[in-house]
Amino acid sequence: MKKILTIFAAVLLTSTAFSQTKKIPSAVLKTLEGQSVDAATLGGDGKIRVVSFWATWCSPCKKELDAISEIYEDWQHDYDVELVAISTDDARSAAKVPGVVNAKGWPYRILLDSNKELSRAANIQSVPYTFLLDKEGNIVFEHIGYAPGDEEELEEQIAKLAKK
């Protein structure tokens, strides 16, 4: 009987752990205009959202955002998705962010995590780092790094969510 109870408890704990949803933690971010935004408000509004962590010094980050920008208009039309690009540049190098964004012509919402508050809370160790949020704001896909073609995998994940 003791063995059965132990197995039942283990199954119950495992199923509870897997049923918990993961959301973006609360942390203060800044817009390019200096307004505060709570990261926790980035999801749960009925919109599929890609959250991409990047930095001005990170070549793979810029390549990823460039690749997505080429197909982003299609994503918006086909899936009603929004991409939020969160710069992890520190306070000194954050001044470079608007110049990079303008030079690249990225059509994304840009936020700054200069104090690394969100990066620490979400345990983001390196960039590029991408979250995909479902319409309820749950993190349903995570990806670290960038190689050409990764944007296609991301689009497959977005398409699955859009069908739900």
Protein backbone atom coordinates (compact mmCIF):
# COMPACT_ATOMS: atom_id res chain seq x y z
CA MET A 1 0.00 0.00 0.00
CA LYS A 2 2.85 2.36 0.87
CA LYS A 3 4.41 1.72 -2.53
CA ILE A 4 1.13 2.54 -4.33
CA LEU A 5 0.77 5.79 -2.38
CA THR A 6 4.35 6.76 -3.23
CA ILE A 7 3.77 6.12 -6.94
CA PHE A 8 0.45 8.02 -6.83
CA ALA A 9 2.13 11.00 -5.14
CA ALA A 10 4.93 11.02 -7.71
CA VAL A 11 2.45 10.95 -10.61
CA LEU A 12 0.37 13.71 -9.02
CA LEU A 13 3.41 15.94 -8.47
CA THR A 14 4.65 15.35 -12.01
CA SER A 15 1.28 16.14 -13.59
CA THR A 16 0.95 19.29 -11.47
CA ALA A 17 4.41 20.48 -12.54
CA PHE A 18 3.60 19.98 -16.22
CA SER A 19 0.22 21.68 -15.96
CA GLN A 20 1.69 24.93 -14.67
CA THR A 21 2.01 27.61 -17.31
CA LYS A 22 5.05 29.80 -17.68
CA LYS A 23 4.57 33.53 -18.20
CA ILE A 24 6.92 36.47 -18.62
CA PRO A 25 7.77 37.74 -15.14
CA SER A 26 7.03 41.25 -13.98
CA ALA A 27 9.95 43.61 -14.58
CA VAL A 28 10.27 47.26 -15.55
CA LEU A 29 11.32 47.92 -19.14
CA LYS A 30 11.64 51.27 -20.92
CA THR A 31 10.43 52.41 -24.31
CA LEU A 32 12.81 54.37 -26.54
CA GLU A 33 10.94 57.46 -25.32
CA GLY A 34 11.72 56.59 -21.67
CA GLN A 35 8.25 55.41 -20.61
CA SER A 36 8.04 52.47 -18.21
CA VAL A 37 6.40 49.21 -19.30
CA ASP A 38 5.80 46.16 -17.10
CA ALA A 39 7.05 43.09 -18.98
CA ALA A 40 4.19 41.03 -17.52
CA THR A 41 1.75 43.09 -19.63
CA LEU A 42 3.30 41.89 -22.90
CA GLY A 43 0.96 38.92 -23.10
CA GLY A 44 -2.57 37.83 -22.36
CA ASP A 45 -4.38 40.32 -24.58
CA GLY A 46 -5.50 37.81 -27.20
CA LYS A 47 -2.54 38.43 -29.51
CA ILE A 48 0.26 36.01 -30.43
CA ARG A 49 3.53 37.69 -29.56
CA VAL A 50 7.19 36.99 -30.31
CA VAL A 51 9.54 38.41 -27.69
CA SER A 52 13.11 38.63 -28.92
CA PHE A 53 16.01 39.57 -26.63
CA TRP A 54 18.91 41.16 -28.51
CA ALA A 55 21.83 43.58 -28.15
CA THR A 56 23.52 46.09 -30.45
CA TRP A 57 26.85 44.23 -30.16
CA CYS A 58 25.27 40.83 -31.03
CA SER A 59 25.67 39.98 -34.72
CA PRO A 60 23.42 36.86 -34.63
CA CYS A 61 20.71 38.95 -32.92
CA LYS A 62 20.73 41.52 -35.69
CA LYS A 63 20.79 38.79 -38.37
CA GLU A 64 17.74 37.15 -36.77
CA LEU A 65 15.79 40.41 -36.56
CA ASP A 66 16.80 41.28 -40.14
CA ALA A 67 15.60 37.88 -41.39
CA ILE A 68 12.28 38.21 -39.57
CA SER A 69 11.79 41.78 -40.83
CA GLU A 70 11.73 40.43 -44.40
CA ILE A 71 8.68 38.27 -43.62
CA TYR A 72 7.19 40.17 -40.68
CA GLU A 73 4.50 41.92 -42.72
CA ASP A 74 3.29 38.50 -43.93
CA TRP A 75 3.25 37.23 -40.34
CA GLN A 76 1.16 40.20 -39.26
CA HIS A 77 -1.28 39.64 -42.10
CA ASP A 78 -1.47 35.83 -41.85
CA TYR A 79 -1.28 35.36 -38.06
CA ASP A 80 -1.92 38.78 -36.45
CA VAL A 81 1.38 38.44 -34.58
CA GLU A 82 3.44 41.18 -32.95
CA LEU A 83 7.18 41.08 -32.35
CA VAL A 84 8.63 42.91 -29.37
CA ALA A 85 12.41 43.31 -29.52
CA ILE A 86 13.92 43.82 -26.07
CA SER A 87 17.44 45.22 -26.02
CA THR A 88 19.66 43.93 -23.24
CA ASP A 89 22.26 46.65 -23.82
CA ASP A 90 23.46 48.26 -20.59
CA ALA A 91 22.70 51.92 -19.82
CA ARG A 92 25.82 53.15 -21.66
CA SER A 93 25.29 51.26 -24.89
CA ALA A 94 21.48 51.62 -24.84
CA ALA A 95 22.01 55.02 -26.45
CA LYS A 96 23.01 53.13 -29.63
CA VAL A 97 19.70 51.25 -29.84
CA PRO A 98 17.61 53.91 -31.67
CA GLY A 99 20.34 54.36 -34.29
CA VAL A 100 20.57 50.62 -34.97
CA VAL A 101 16.79 50.25 -35.13
CA ASN A 102 16.43 53.20 -37.52
CA ALA A 103 19.32 52.07 -39.72
CA LYS A 104 17.84 48.57 -39.96
CA GLY A 105 14.30 49.85 -40.48
CA TRP A 106 12.90 47.28 -38.07
CA PRO A 107 9.12 47.62 -37.74
CA TYR A 108 9.02 46.13 -34.26
CA ARG A 109 8.06 47.48 -30.87
CA ILE A 110 11.42 48.14 -29.16
CA LEU A 111 11.90 48.01 -25.39
CA LEU A 112 15.01 48.37 -23.22
CA ASP A 113 16.10 46.07 -20.39
CA SER A 114 19.16 48.16 -19.51
CA ASN A 115 19.14 47.13 -15.84
CA LYS A 116 18.81 43.44 -16.85
CA GLU A 117 15.80 43.18 -14.53
CA LEU A 118 13.79 41.03 -16.94
CA SER A 119 16.82 39.11 -18.17
CA ARG A 120 17.61 38.08 -14.59
CA ALA A 121 13.99 37.31 -13.68
CA ALA A 122 13.55 35.16 -16.82
CA ASN A 123 17.00 33.55 -16.40
CA ILE A 124 18.21 34.67 -19.82
CA GLN A 125 21.93 33.95 -19.97
CA SER A 126 22.68 34.83 -23.60
CA VAL A 127 21.24 36.50 -26.68
CA PRO A 128 19.58 36.10 -29.05
CA TYR A 129 16.83 34.53 -26.96
CA THR A 130 13.29 34.24 -28.24
CA PHE A 131 9.99 33.55 -26.48
CA LEU A 132 6.73 32.83 -28.25
CA LEU A 133 3.62 33.79 -26.28
CA ASP A 134 0.20 32.34 -27.00
CA LYS A 135 -2.94 34.48 -26.91
CA GLU A 136 -3.20 34.01 -23.13
CA GLY A 137 0.38 35.17 -22.58
CA ASN A 138 1.82 31.72 -21.85
CA ILE A 139 5.36 31.04 -23.03
CA VAL A 140 4.85 28.12 -25.41
CA PHE A 141 8.17 28.09 -27.25
CA GLU A 142 11.71 29.23 -26.42
CA HIS A 143 14.76 29.39 -28.64
CA ILE A 144 18.36 30.35 -27.92
CA GLY A 145 20.76 31.52 -30.62
CA TYR A 146 20.23 32.04 -34.33
CA ALA A 147 21.08 30.17 -37.50
CA PRO A 148 19.63 30.97 -40.92
CA GLY A 149 16.27 29.23 -41.19
CA ASP A 150 15.37 29.52 -37.50
CA GLU A 151 12.74 32.08 -38.49
CA GLU A 152 10.98 29.32 -40.48
CA GLU A 153 10.79 27.12 -37.38
CA LEU A 154 9.41 30.09 -35.46
CA GLU A 155 6.79 30.66 -38.17
CA GLU A 156 5.72 27.01 -37.91
CA GLN A 157 5.16 27.49 -34.18
CA ILE A 158 3.23 30.73 -34.81
CA ALA A 159 1.06 29.01 -37.44
CA LYS A 160 0.16 26.25 -34.96
CA LEU A 161 -0.92 28.84 -32.41
CA ALA A 162 -2.93 30.81 -34.95
CA LYS A 163 -4.99 27.69 -35.73
CA LYS A 164 -6.05 27.28 -32.09
